[in-house]
N, C-alpha and C. Protein backbone atom coordinates (compact mmCIF):
# COMPACT_ATOMS: atom_id res chain seq x y z
N MET A 1 0.87 -1.21 0.04
CA MET A 1 -0.07 0.03 0.02
C MET A 1 0.92 1.14 -0.02
N GLY A 2 0.63 2.21 -0.96
CA GLY A 2 1.56 3.31 -1.17
C GLY A 2 1.32 4.33 -0.09
N PRO A 3 2.07 5.35 0.04
CA PRO A 3 2.03 6.37 0.95
C PRO A 3 0.69 7.15 0.64
N TRP A 4 0.21 7.83 1.71
CA TRP A 4 -1.01 8.49 1.65
C TRP A 4 -0.64 9.89 1.77
N PRO A 5 -1.19 10.93 1.10
CA PRO A 5 -0.96 12.34 1.20
C PRO A 5 -1.54 12.79 2.50
N PRO A 6 -0.77 13.63 3.20
CA PRO A 6 -1.23 14.14 4.41
C PRO A 6 -2.63 15.01 4.42
N THR A 7 -3.40 14.73 5.36
CA THR A 7 -4.60 15.34 5.53
C THR A 7 -4.76 15.93 6.94
N ARG A 8 -5.65 16.95 7.11
CA ARG A 8 -5.85 17.53 8.52
C ARG A 8 -6.65 16.34 9.34
N ARG A 9 -6.16 15.99 10.56
CA ARG A 9 -6.89 15.12 11.40
C ARG A 9 -8.19 15.75 11.94
N ARG A 10 -9.09 15.08 11.94
CA ARG A 10 -10.40 15.50 12.49
C ARG A 10 -10.84 14.78 13.74
N GLY A 11 -9.99 13.89 14.23
CA GLY A 11 -10.30 13.07 15.35
C GLY A 11 -9.43 11.96 15.45
N PRO A 12 -9.53 11.18 16.59
CA PRO A 12 -8.65 10.19 16.78
C PRO A 12 -8.72 8.96 15.77
N LEU A 13 -9.84 8.74 15.07
CA LEU A 13 -9.82 7.74 13.98
C LEU A 13 -9.88 8.23 12.72
N CYS A 14 -9.44 9.60 12.53
CA CYS A 14 -9.16 10.10 11.19
C CYS A 14 -7.67 9.99 10.89
N CYS A 15 -7.59 9.67 9.55
CA CYS A 15 -6.25 9.66 9.02
C CYS A 15 -6.07 9.91 7.47
N ALA A 16 -4.98 9.98 6.98
CA ALA A 16 -4.91 10.22 5.51
C ALA A 16 -5.75 9.06 4.85
N GLY A 17 -6.47 9.51 3.84
CA GLY A 17 -7.14 8.45 2.98
C GLY A 17 -8.50 8.05 3.71
N TRP A 18 -8.72 8.13 4.91
CA TRP A 18 -9.89 7.69 5.52
C TRP A 18 -11.20 8.51 4.98
N GLY A 19 -12.09 7.79 4.65
CA GLY A 19 -13.34 8.56 4.01
C GLY A 19 -13.32 8.52 2.58
N ARG A 20 -12.16 8.19 1.89
CA ARG A 20 -12.13 8.17 0.43
C ARG A 20 -12.63 6.76 -0.09
N GLY A 21 -13.71 6.38 0.23
CA GLY A 21 -14.22 5.13 -0.13
C GLY A 21 -13.69 4.04 0.69
N ARG A 22 -12.86 4.49 1.75
CA ARG A 22 -12.28 3.46 2.60
C ARG A 22 -12.72 3.59 4.00
N GLY A 23 -14.05 3.22 4.17
CA GLY A 23 -14.66 3.23 5.55
C GLY A 23 -14.60 1.86 6.27
N TRP A 24 -15.43 1.63 7.09
CA TRP A 24 -15.35 0.35 7.88
C TRP A 24 -15.68 -0.67 6.96
N GLY A 25 -16.54 -0.66 5.94
CA GLY A 25 -16.71 -1.75 5.02
C GLY A 25 -15.46 -2.22 4.27
N TRP A 26 -14.63 -1.06 3.81
CA TRP A 26 -13.38 -1.43 3.22
C TRP A 26 -12.39 -2.13 4.11
N VAL A 27 -12.35 -1.67 5.41
CA VAL A 27 -11.49 -2.37 6.31
C VAL A 27 -11.89 -3.93 6.49
N LEU A 28 -13.20 -4.08 6.61
CA LEU A 28 -13.68 -5.45 6.92
C LEU A 28 -13.32 -6.41 5.58
N VAL A 29 -13.46 -5.72 4.42
CA VAL A 29 -13.35 -6.67 3.20
C VAL A 29 -11.80 -6.75 2.98
N THR A 30 -11.04 -5.78 3.13
CA THR A 30 -9.48 -5.92 2.72
C THR A 30 -8.72 -6.33 3.97
N GLY A 31 -9.12 -6.05 5.10
CA GLY A 31 -8.16 -6.26 6.36
C GLY A 31 -7.05 -5.24 6.35
N ARG A 32 -7.09 -4.14 5.66
CA ARG A 32 -6.15 -3.15 5.60
C ARG A 32 -6.58 -1.77 6.06
N PHE A 33 -5.85 -1.02 6.56
CA PHE A 33 -6.14 0.28 7.25
C PHE A 33 -5.50 1.35 6.50
N PRO A 34 -6.14 2.51 6.33
CA PRO A 34 -5.58 3.63 5.72
C PRO A 34 -4.32 4.19 6.32
N CYS A 35 -4.06 3.93 7.64
CA CYS A 35 -2.95 4.44 8.30
C CYS A 35 -2.18 3.31 8.98
N PRO A 36 -1.68 2.29 8.34
CA PRO A 36 -1.03 1.25 9.10
C PRO A 36 0.20 1.57 9.89
N GLN A 37 0.87 2.81 9.71
CA GLN A 37 1.95 3.10 10.49
C GLN A 37 1.47 3.61 11.84
N SER A 38 0.35 3.82 12.03
CA SER A 38 -0.32 4.28 13.42
C SER A 38 -0.71 3.02 14.20
N ALA A 39 0.19 2.57 15.02
CA ALA A 39 -0.26 1.24 15.83
C ALA A 39 -1.43 1.61 16.72
N ALA A 40 -1.51 2.72 17.25
CA ALA A 40 -2.59 3.10 18.17
C ALA A 40 -3.90 3.09 17.43
N HIS A 41 -3.84 3.71 16.15
CA HIS A 41 -5.00 3.73 15.37
C HIS A 41 -5.47 2.40 14.94
N VAL A 42 -4.53 1.49 14.58
CA VAL A 42 -4.83 0.13 14.24
C VAL A 42 -5.57 -0.62 15.44
N LEU A 43 -5.10 -0.35 16.68
CA LEU A 43 -5.63 -1.11 17.79
C LEU A 43 -6.90 -0.67 18.04
N VAL A 44 -7.17 0.69 18.02
CA VAL A 44 -8.54 1.15 18.26
C VAL A 44 -9.48 0.67 17.29
N VAL A 45 -9.14 0.70 15.88
CA VAL A 45 -10.09 0.10 14.85
C VAL A 45 -10.33 -1.27 15.05
N HIS A 46 -9.27 -1.99 15.40
CA HIS A 46 -9.39 -3.53 15.57
C HIS A 46 -10.40 -3.81 16.67
N ASN A 47 -10.30 -3.10 17.86
CA ASN A 47 -11.33 -3.25 19.00
C ASN A 47 -12.64 -2.96 18.54
N LEU A 48 -12.81 -1.88 17.92
CA LEU A 48 -14.18 -1.43 17.32
C LEU A 48 -14.74 -2.47 16.46
N VAL A 49 -13.96 -2.94 15.63
CA VAL A 49 -14.46 -4.07 14.64
C VAL A 49 -14.79 -5.30 15.31
N SER A 50 -13.92 -5.60 16.32
CA SER A 50 -14.18 -6.79 17.03
C SER A 50 -15.50 -6.75 17.74
N ARG A 51 -15.73 -5.56 18.38
CA ARG A 51 -16.99 -5.39 19.20
C ARG A 51 -18.27 -5.47 18.21
N TYR A 52 -18.02 -4.94 16.98
CA TYR A 52 -19.08 -4.97 16.11
C TYR A 52 -19.45 -6.34 15.70
N LEU A 53 -18.38 -7.15 15.33
CA LEU A 53 -18.64 -8.48 14.99
C LEU A 53 -19.24 -9.32 16.08
N VAL A 54 -18.87 -9.04 17.33
CA VAL A 54 -19.45 -9.85 18.47
C VAL A 54 -20.94 -9.47 18.53
N ARG A 55 -21.25 -8.13 18.34
CA ARG A 55 -22.71 -7.80 18.44
C ARG A 55 -23.44 -8.55 17.37
N VAL A 56 -22.78 -8.58 16.13
CA VAL A 56 -23.50 -9.21 14.94
C VAL A 56 -23.72 -10.65 15.36
N ASP A 57 -22.70 -11.46 15.87
CA ASP A 57 -22.75 -12.74 16.18
C ASP A 57 -23.90 -12.96 17.32
N GLU A 58 -23.89 -12.22 18.26
CA GLU A 58 -24.80 -12.37 19.38
C GLU A 58 -26.29 -12.15 18.90
N SER A 59 -26.42 -11.24 17.88
CA SER A 59 -27.81 -10.87 17.45
C SER A 59 -28.52 -12.14 16.84
N ARG A 60 -27.58 -13.07 16.35
CA ARG A 60 -28.22 -14.24 15.78
C ARG A 60 -28.98 -15.09 16.68
N LEU A 61 -28.68 -14.82 18.12
CA LEU A 61 -29.52 -15.69 18.98
C LEU A 61 -30.51 -14.70 19.61
N ALA A 62 -30.82 -13.53 18.99
CA ALA A 62 -32.04 -12.76 19.61
C ALA A 62 -33.25 -13.49 19.21
N LEU A 63 -34.11 -13.41 20.23
CA LEU A 63 -35.39 -14.27 20.07
C LEU A 63 -36.22 -13.67 18.84
N ASP A 64 -36.33 -12.34 18.69
CA ASP A 64 -37.19 -11.81 17.62
C ASP A 64 -36.59 -12.16 16.30
N ARG A 65 -35.46 -12.65 16.08
CA ARG A 65 -34.85 -13.00 14.77
C ARG A 65 -35.04 -14.52 14.45
N GLN A 66 -35.60 -15.20 15.31
CA GLN A 66 -35.76 -16.75 15.20
C GLN A 66 -36.98 -16.94 14.31
N VAL A 67 -36.75 -17.60 13.21
CA VAL A 67 -37.94 -18.03 12.36
C VAL A 67 -38.79 -19.12 13.15
N CYS A 68 -38.18 -19.95 13.73
CA CYS A 68 -38.91 -20.92 14.46
C CYS A 68 -39.79 -20.47 15.68
N PHE A 69 -39.26 -19.32 16.25
CA PHE A 69 -40.29 -18.78 17.20
C PHE A 69 -41.49 -18.04 16.65
N ALA A 70 -41.26 -17.46 15.39
CA ALA A 70 -42.30 -16.81 14.74
C ALA A 70 -43.36 -17.91 14.34
N LEU A 71 -42.94 -18.98 13.90
CA LEU A 71 -43.81 -20.11 13.59
C LEU A 71 -44.49 -20.60 14.77
N TYR A 72 -43.81 -20.80 15.83
CA TYR A 72 -44.31 -21.16 17.13
C TYR A 72 -45.48 -20.23 17.54
N SER A 73 -45.14 -18.95 17.47
CA SER A 73 -46.03 -17.86 18.02
C SER A 73 -47.43 -17.92 17.24
N ALA A 74 -47.16 -18.13 15.82
CA ALA A 74 -48.40 -18.14 14.86
C ALA A 74 -49.08 -19.41 15.14
N SER A 75 -48.46 -20.51 15.54
CA SER A 75 -49.23 -21.82 15.81
C SER A 75 -50.10 -21.52 17.07
N ARG A 76 -49.48 -21.02 18.08
CA ARG A 76 -50.25 -20.78 19.18
C ARG A 76 -51.37 -19.80 19.01
N ALA A 77 -51.18 -18.78 18.22
CA ALA A 77 -52.34 -17.90 17.97
C ALA A 77 -53.46 -18.63 17.20
N PHE A 78 -53.12 -19.50 16.18
CA PHE A 78 -54.06 -20.18 15.46
C PHE A 78 -54.83 -21.15 16.45
N THR A 79 -54.16 -21.81 17.26
CA THR A 79 -54.78 -22.69 18.28
C THR A 79 -55.78 -21.89 19.21
N GLY A 80 -55.29 -20.77 19.57
CA GLY A 80 -56.28 -19.92 20.43
C GLY A 80 -57.39 -19.51 19.74
N THR A 81 -57.33 -19.18 18.43
CA THR A 81 -58.54 -18.77 17.61
C THR A 81 -59.45 -19.94 17.44
N TYR A 82 -58.93 -21.02 17.15
CA TYR A 82 -59.70 -22.35 17.00
C TYR A 82 -60.47 -22.74 18.32
N ARG A 83 -59.73 -22.59 19.40
CA ARG A 83 -60.40 -22.85 20.77
C ARG A 83 -61.66 -22.29 20.88
N ALA A 84 -61.93 -21.11 20.57
CA ALA A 84 -63.29 -20.48 20.64
C ALA A 84 -64.17 -20.99 19.75
N LEU A 85 -63.79 -21.28 18.50
CA LEU A 85 -64.77 -21.68 17.41
C LEU A 85 -65.19 -23.17 17.68
N LEU A 86 -64.28 -24.03 18.27
CA LEU A 86 -64.48 -25.35 18.37
C LEU A 86 -65.14 -25.64 19.66
N ALA A 87 -65.20 -24.71 20.58
CA ALA A 87 -65.92 -25.05 21.85
C ALA A 87 -67.49 -25.39 21.61
N GLU A 88 -67.97 -24.66 20.50
CA GLU A 88 -69.47 -25.02 20.13
C GLU A 88 -69.53 -26.49 19.75
N LEU A 89 -68.53 -27.01 19.14
CA LEU A 89 -68.57 -28.41 18.64
C LEU A 89 -68.13 -29.40 19.76
N GLY A 90 -67.61 -28.82 20.95
CA GLY A 90 -67.09 -29.77 22.00
C GLY A 90 -65.80 -30.41 21.63
N LEU A 91 -65.00 -29.87 20.63
CA LEU A 91 -63.79 -30.44 20.27
C LEU A 91 -62.57 -29.57 20.66
N THR A 92 -61.46 -30.26 20.97
CA THR A 92 -60.21 -29.54 21.12
C THR A 92 -59.58 -29.61 19.65
N TYR A 93 -58.58 -28.70 19.67
CA TYR A 93 -57.91 -28.58 18.17
C TYR A 93 -57.30 -29.86 17.82
N PRO A 94 -56.61 -30.59 18.61
CA PRO A 94 -56.10 -32.03 18.10
C PRO A 94 -57.27 -32.93 17.70
N GLN A 95 -58.41 -32.93 18.49
CA GLN A 95 -59.45 -33.78 18.16
C GLN A 95 -60.11 -33.27 16.87
N TYR A 96 -60.09 -32.00 16.63
CA TYR A 96 -60.55 -31.46 15.24
C TYR A 96 -59.86 -31.99 14.10
N LEU A 97 -58.49 -31.93 14.32
CA LEU A 97 -57.58 -32.55 13.36
C LEU A 97 -57.90 -34.04 12.95
N VAL A 98 -58.18 -34.87 14.03
CA VAL A 98 -58.57 -36.17 13.69
C VAL A 98 -59.83 -36.29 12.96
N MET A 99 -60.86 -35.35 13.34
CA MET A 99 -62.03 -35.50 12.59
C MET A 99 -61.90 -35.01 11.26
N LEU A 100 -61.15 -33.96 10.96
CA LEU A 100 -60.82 -33.64 9.62
C LEU A 100 -60.41 -34.81 8.70
N VAL A 101 -59.48 -35.53 9.25
CA VAL A 101 -59.00 -36.69 8.40
C VAL A 101 -60.20 -37.63 8.16
N LEU A 102 -61.01 -38.00 9.14
CA LEU A 102 -62.04 -38.91 9.00
C LEU A 102 -63.19 -38.46 8.15
N TRP A 103 -63.43 -37.12 8.33
CA TRP A 103 -64.54 -36.56 7.33
C TRP A 103 -64.10 -36.74 5.81
N GLU A 104 -62.68 -36.71 5.73
CA GLU A 104 -62.22 -36.84 4.28
C GLU A 104 -62.13 -38.20 3.78
N ARG A 105 -61.79 -39.13 4.82
CA ARG A 105 -61.41 -40.46 4.34
C ARG A 105 -62.43 -41.46 4.88
N GLU A 106 -63.27 -41.09 5.89
CA GLU A 106 -64.35 -41.94 6.56
C GLU A 106 -63.76 -43.03 7.45
N SER A 107 -62.64 -43.91 6.94
CA SER A 107 -62.16 -44.85 7.64
C SER A 107 -60.63 -44.86 7.46
N VAL A 108 -59.84 -45.04 8.45
CA VAL A 108 -58.39 -45.21 8.37
C VAL A 108 -57.81 -45.99 9.42
N THR A 109 -56.73 -46.64 9.29
CA THR A 109 -56.11 -47.15 10.37
C THR A 109 -55.36 -46.35 11.25
N VAL A 110 -55.19 -46.60 12.58
CA VAL A 110 -54.59 -45.76 13.42
C VAL A 110 -53.20 -45.34 12.89
N LYS A 111 -52.43 -46.30 12.27
CA LYS A 111 -51.13 -45.98 11.73
C LYS A 111 -51.23 -44.94 10.64
N GLU A 112 -52.24 -45.05 9.78
CA GLU A 112 -52.36 -44.09 8.74
C GLU A 112 -52.87 -42.60 9.33
N LEU A 113 -53.67 -42.63 10.39
CA LEU A 113 -53.98 -41.43 11.08
C LEU A 113 -52.88 -40.77 11.62
N GLY A 114 -51.90 -41.50 12.31
CA GLY A 114 -50.74 -41.02 13.03
C GLY A 114 -49.82 -40.37 12.02
N ALA A 115 -49.72 -41.00 10.84
CA ALA A 115 -48.86 -40.50 9.72
C ALA A 115 -49.33 -39.11 9.26
N ALA A 116 -50.62 -39.14 9.05
CA ALA A 116 -51.22 -38.01 8.54
C ALA A 116 -51.16 -36.75 9.48
N LEU A 117 -51.24 -36.99 10.63
CA LEU A 117 -51.17 -35.95 11.68
C LEU A 117 -49.89 -35.65 12.32
N ARG A 118 -48.90 -36.56 11.92
CA ARG A 118 -47.49 -36.53 12.42
C ARG A 118 -47.62 -36.64 14.04
N LEU A 119 -48.37 -37.63 14.51
CA LEU A 119 -48.45 -37.93 15.98
C LEU A 119 -48.22 -39.37 16.24
N ASP A 120 -47.46 -39.56 17.34
CA ASP A 120 -47.16 -40.91 17.63
C ASP A 120 -48.39 -41.55 18.49
N SER A 121 -48.23 -42.88 18.48
CA SER A 121 -49.36 -43.65 19.16
C SER A 121 -49.73 -43.16 20.53
N GLY A 122 -48.69 -42.88 21.30
CA GLY A 122 -48.89 -42.49 22.65
C GLY A 122 -49.73 -41.16 22.74
N THR A 123 -49.54 -40.21 21.83
CA THR A 123 -50.39 -39.01 21.79
C THR A 123 -51.73 -39.28 21.01
N LEU A 124 -51.70 -39.98 20.14
CA LEU A 124 -53.08 -40.29 19.44
C LEU A 124 -54.09 -41.12 20.12
N SER A 125 -53.54 -42.19 20.91
CA SER A 125 -54.61 -43.10 21.57
C SER A 125 -55.55 -42.29 22.45
N PRO A 126 -54.99 -41.35 23.40
CA PRO A 126 -55.88 -40.69 24.24
C PRO A 126 -56.98 -39.88 23.52
N LEU A 127 -56.51 -39.24 22.21
CA LEU A 127 -57.46 -38.37 21.58
C LEU A 127 -58.61 -39.36 20.99
N LEU A 128 -58.20 -40.54 20.48
CA LEU A 128 -59.27 -41.36 19.97
C LEU A 128 -60.03 -41.97 21.09
N LYS A 129 -59.49 -42.27 22.21
CA LYS A 129 -60.26 -42.83 23.37
C LYS A 129 -61.43 -41.79 23.69
N ARG A 130 -61.12 -40.43 23.73
CA ARG A 130 -62.10 -39.42 24.13
C ARG A 130 -63.18 -39.28 22.98
N LEU A 131 -62.77 -39.34 21.71
CA LEU A 131 -63.65 -39.13 20.69
C LEU A 131 -64.65 -40.50 20.63
N GLU A 132 -64.17 -41.62 20.89
CA GLU A 132 -64.86 -42.73 21.06
C GLU A 132 -65.92 -42.76 22.11
N ALA A 133 -65.49 -42.23 23.23
CA ALA A 133 -66.39 -42.03 24.46
C ALA A 133 -67.61 -41.17 24.12
N ARG A 134 -67.33 -40.18 23.26
CA ARG A 134 -68.33 -39.25 22.78
C ARG A 134 -69.25 -39.87 21.73
N GLY A 135 -68.95 -40.93 21.34
CA GLY A 135 -69.75 -41.56 20.34
C GLY A 135 -69.39 -41.08 18.85
N LEU A 136 -68.30 -40.38 18.59
CA LEU A 136 -68.09 -39.76 17.30
C LEU A 136 -67.31 -40.72 16.48
N ILE A 137 -66.58 -41.64 17.07
CA ILE A 137 -65.94 -42.62 16.22
C ILE A 137 -65.90 -43.93 16.73
N VAL A 138 -65.47 -44.90 16.08
CA VAL A 138 -65.44 -46.20 16.58
C VAL A 138 -64.20 -46.95 16.16
N ARG A 139 -63.47 -47.77 17.06
CA ARG A 139 -62.27 -48.35 16.72
C ARG A 139 -62.56 -49.96 16.66
N GLN A 140 -61.87 -50.46 15.62
CA GLN A 140 -62.10 -52.02 15.56
C GLN A 140 -60.85 -52.55 14.87
N ARG A 141 -60.44 -53.76 15.46
CA ARG A 141 -59.30 -54.48 15.05
C ARG A 141 -59.61 -55.12 13.66
N SER A 142 -58.60 -55.00 12.73
CA SER A 142 -58.91 -55.69 11.36
C SER A 142 -58.99 -57.18 11.55
N VAL A 143 -59.81 -57.79 10.83
CA VAL A 143 -60.00 -59.25 10.76
C VAL A 143 -58.68 -59.95 10.06
N MET A 144 -58.25 -59.17 9.00
CA MET A 144 -57.06 -59.60 8.35
C MET A 144 -55.80 -59.48 9.12
N ASP A 145 -55.75 -58.46 9.99
CA ASP A 145 -54.38 -58.29 10.65
C ASP A 145 -54.82 -57.74 12.09
N GLU A 146 -54.73 -58.42 13.05
CA GLU A 146 -55.20 -58.05 14.50
C GLU A 146 -54.27 -56.98 14.96
N ARG A 147 -53.08 -56.74 14.37
CA ARG A 147 -52.26 -55.76 14.86
C ARG A 147 -52.62 -54.31 14.26
N SER A 148 -53.57 -54.38 13.42
CA SER A 148 -53.96 -53.07 12.74
C SER A 148 -55.36 -52.69 13.28
N VAL A 149 -55.48 -51.58 13.70
CA VAL A 149 -56.71 -50.99 14.20
C VAL A 149 -57.43 -49.96 13.36
N ALA A 150 -58.60 -50.14 12.93
CA ALA A 150 -59.34 -49.13 12.03
C ALA A 150 -60.11 -48.20 12.85
N VAL A 151 -60.22 -46.92 12.34
CA VAL A 151 -60.90 -46.04 13.05
C VAL A 151 -61.98 -45.38 11.92
N ALA A 152 -63.20 -45.26 12.30
CA ALA A 152 -64.34 -44.88 11.41
C ALA A 152 -65.25 -44.10 12.08
N LEU A 153 -65.91 -43.24 11.34
CA LEU A 153 -66.91 -42.29 11.85
C LEU A 153 -68.23 -43.05 12.35
N THR A 154 -68.91 -42.51 13.23
CA THR A 154 -70.24 -43.09 13.52
C THR A 154 -71.22 -42.03 12.84
N ALA A 155 -72.46 -42.28 13.03
CA ALA A 155 -73.40 -41.33 12.44
C ALA A 155 -73.40 -39.85 13.00
N ASP A 156 -73.17 -39.81 14.36
CA ASP A 156 -72.91 -38.71 15.08
C ASP A 156 -71.74 -37.83 14.61
N GLY A 157 -70.67 -38.72 14.44
CA GLY A 157 -69.43 -38.11 13.92
C GLY A 157 -69.64 -37.44 12.51
N SER A 158 -70.25 -38.17 11.68
CA SER A 158 -70.57 -37.61 10.27
C SER A 158 -71.47 -36.41 10.27
N GLU A 159 -72.54 -36.42 11.19
CA GLU A 159 -73.30 -35.29 11.38
C GLU A 159 -72.61 -34.06 11.81
N LEU A 160 -71.58 -34.25 12.64
CA LEU A 160 -70.81 -33.18 13.17
C LEU A 160 -70.19 -32.24 12.12
N ARG A 161 -70.00 -33.03 11.07
CA ARG A 161 -69.22 -32.33 9.79
C ARG A 161 -70.03 -31.11 9.42
N GLY A 162 -71.31 -31.15 9.42
CA GLY A 162 -72.17 -30.23 8.94
C GLY A 162 -72.00 -28.83 9.80
N GLN A 163 -71.93 -29.12 11.07
CA GLN A 163 -71.64 -27.89 12.08
C GLN A 163 -70.35 -27.28 11.93
N ALA A 164 -69.45 -27.98 11.30
CA ALA A 164 -67.99 -27.49 11.19
C ALA A 164 -67.74 -26.83 9.90
N ARG A 165 -68.70 -26.78 8.97
CA ARG A 165 -68.43 -26.24 7.71
C ARG A 165 -68.11 -24.73 7.64
N CYS A 166 -68.50 -24.07 8.60
CA CYS A 166 -68.21 -22.65 8.67
C CYS A 166 -66.82 -22.22 9.18
N ILE A 167 -66.29 -23.13 9.93
CA ILE A 167 -64.91 -22.83 10.53
C ILE A 167 -63.77 -22.50 9.61
N PRO A 168 -63.62 -23.00 8.51
CA PRO A 168 -62.49 -22.54 7.61
C PRO A 168 -62.72 -21.15 7.20
N ASP A 169 -63.83 -20.69 6.82
CA ASP A 169 -64.24 -19.34 6.33
C ASP A 169 -63.97 -18.49 7.59
N GLN A 170 -64.38 -18.88 8.80
CA GLN A 170 -64.04 -17.93 9.90
C GLN A 170 -62.69 -17.80 10.32
N MET A 171 -61.95 -18.79 9.97
CA MET A 171 -60.41 -18.77 10.22
C MET A 171 -59.69 -17.93 9.25
N VAL A 172 -60.28 -17.89 7.96
CA VAL A 172 -59.62 -17.07 6.96
C VAL A 172 -59.84 -15.64 7.28
N SER A 173 -61.06 -15.42 7.82
CA SER A 173 -61.40 -14.03 8.17
C SER A 173 -60.54 -13.42 9.34
N ALA A 174 -60.32 -14.40 10.24
CA ALA A 174 -59.53 -14.10 11.35
C ALA A 174 -58.20 -13.73 11.18
N THR A 175 -57.47 -14.26 9.94
CA THR A 175 -56.14 -14.02 9.78
C THR A 175 -55.95 -12.62 9.07
N GLY A 176 -56.89 -12.04 8.51
CA GLY A 176 -56.89 -10.84 7.94
C GLY A 176 -56.06 -10.85 6.63
N MET A 177 -55.83 -12.00 6.09
CA MET A 177 -55.09 -12.22 4.83
C MET A 177 -55.91 -12.61 3.70
N ARG A 178 -55.67 -12.25 2.51
CA ARG A 178 -56.35 -12.78 1.32
C ARG A 178 -56.17 -14.32 1.13
N VAL A 179 -57.08 -14.79 0.48
CA VAL A 179 -57.08 -16.36 0.15
C VAL A 179 -55.76 -16.75 -0.50
N ASP A 180 -55.36 -15.98 -1.57
CA ASP A 180 -54.17 -16.30 -2.47
C ASP A 180 -52.83 -16.14 -1.49
N GLU A 181 -52.85 -15.15 -0.61
CA GLU A 181 -51.70 -15.14 0.40
C GLU A 181 -51.64 -16.36 1.24
N LEU A 182 -52.76 -16.74 1.64
CA LEU A 182 -52.82 -18.04 2.55
C LEU A 182 -52.44 -19.17 1.82
N ILE A 183 -52.64 -19.30 0.53
CA ILE A 183 -52.34 -20.49 -0.32
C ILE A 183 -50.87 -20.46 -0.48
N GLN A 184 -50.21 -19.27 -0.80
CA GLN A 184 -48.80 -19.16 -0.90
C GLN A 184 -48.07 -19.43 0.34
N LEU A 185 -48.66 -19.03 1.54
CA LEU A 185 -48.00 -19.34 2.78
C LEU A 185 -48.00 -20.82 3.09
N LYS A 186 -49.18 -21.42 2.80
CA LYS A 186 -49.22 -22.85 3.01
C LYS A 186 -48.27 -23.61 2.20
N SER A 187 -48.05 -23.12 0.91
CA SER A 187 -46.99 -23.82 0.01
C SER A 187 -45.66 -23.60 0.51
N THR A 188 -45.31 -22.42 1.05
CA THR A 188 -43.97 -22.21 1.60
C THR A 188 -43.77 -23.04 2.84
N LEU A 189 -44.75 -23.19 3.71
CA LEU A 189 -44.57 -23.96 4.96
C LEU A 189 -44.37 -25.41 4.44
N GLU A 190 -45.11 -25.84 3.57
CA GLU A 190 -44.94 -27.17 3.18
C GLU A 190 -43.61 -27.54 2.68
N ARG A 191 -42.96 -26.62 1.91
CA ARG A 191 -41.61 -26.70 1.47
C ARG A 191 -40.67 -26.67 2.49
N LEU A 192 -40.89 -25.81 3.42
CA LEU A 192 -40.12 -25.81 4.75
C LEU A 192 -40.23 -27.10 5.49
N THR A 193 -41.23 -27.67 5.73
CA THR A 193 -41.44 -28.83 6.44
C THR A 193 -40.65 -30.05 5.70
N ALA A 194 -40.79 -30.12 4.39
CA ALA A 194 -40.11 -31.07 3.66
C ALA A 194 -38.62 -30.97 3.86
N ALA A 195 -38.11 -29.69 3.65
CA ALA A 195 -36.52 -29.58 3.93
C ALA A 195 -36.18 -29.87 5.24
N LEU A 196 -36.96 -29.54 6.28
CA LEU A 196 -36.45 -29.87 7.65
C LEU A 196 -36.57 -31.44 7.91
N ASP A 197 -37.66 -32.00 7.37
CA ASP A 197 -37.73 -33.50 7.35
C ASP A 197 -36.54 -34.14 6.73
N SER A 198 -36.06 -33.66 5.53
CA SER A 198 -34.96 -34.30 4.82
C SER A 198 -33.74 -34.03 5.73
N ALA A 199 -33.48 -32.93 6.29
CA ALA A 199 -32.37 -32.66 7.10
C ALA A 199 -32.38 -33.48 8.25
N ALA A 200 -33.44 -33.62 9.05
CA ALA A 200 -33.45 -34.51 10.09
C ALA A 200 -33.17 -35.90 9.74
N GLN A 201 -33.65 -36.35 8.65
CA GLN A 201 -33.35 -37.80 8.10
C GLN A 201 -31.84 -37.92 7.98
N GLN A 202 -31.14 -36.93 7.41
CA GLN A 202 -29.85 -37.04 6.97
C GLN A 202 -28.91 -36.99 8.17
N GLN A 203 -29.42 -36.23 9.28
CA GLN A 203 -28.62 -36.19 10.49
C GLN A 203 -28.77 -37.45 11.19
N ALA A 204 -30.00 -38.09 11.21
CA ALA A 204 -30.12 -39.59 11.87
C ALA A 204 -29.20 -40.44 11.15
N GLU A 205 -29.17 -40.57 9.83
CA GLU A 205 -28.39 -41.49 9.09
C GLU A 205 -26.91 -41.41 9.33
N SER A 206 -26.40 -40.17 9.59
CA SER A 206 -25.06 -39.88 9.76
C SER A 206 -24.52 -40.29 11.08
N LYS A 207 -25.51 -40.63 12.06
CA LYS A 207 -25.00 -41.01 13.33
C LYS A 207 -24.67 -42.44 13.30
């Protein structure tokens, strides 16, 4: 780096060439300083840059920068809104999800239901037990395979579908978003879920 023409100092961090397109960004990219002959200047700049980088690194752990927390907060907000709507049907949100699958397919195995809802048997079994106690579903072991348990709607379970028809529209209204925005959001979340599932599988296989 050639000699710099002398300029009037305007402060402890001012030196020849500083400010001629050679600001903090130039220092970070090149690792060079406009006044390398000044050890004190270099030390001050180094300390300032180090503090800046530490702050940038620490900000990565800020709660409001976490995508996962934004998703978690949105999920809780959705559940809270559903709670009021589902109270009229006497369903909790997880129970509502079970009923959605059954209203669509009428009859599924417990294994298929768990896969559709991403729930393990320990979580799913109590949900099914409560719905069965209410007379909304019936569980029956398969004649062909006793290890397989089929879940089907009862007449009351099918009838409840009519009372739930208005819920999707009410939820769309509650979001304050247009339908096309929600469709795009759903697509983005599905891609995110697929990517995370793939990453988790790769991590498991590498162990």
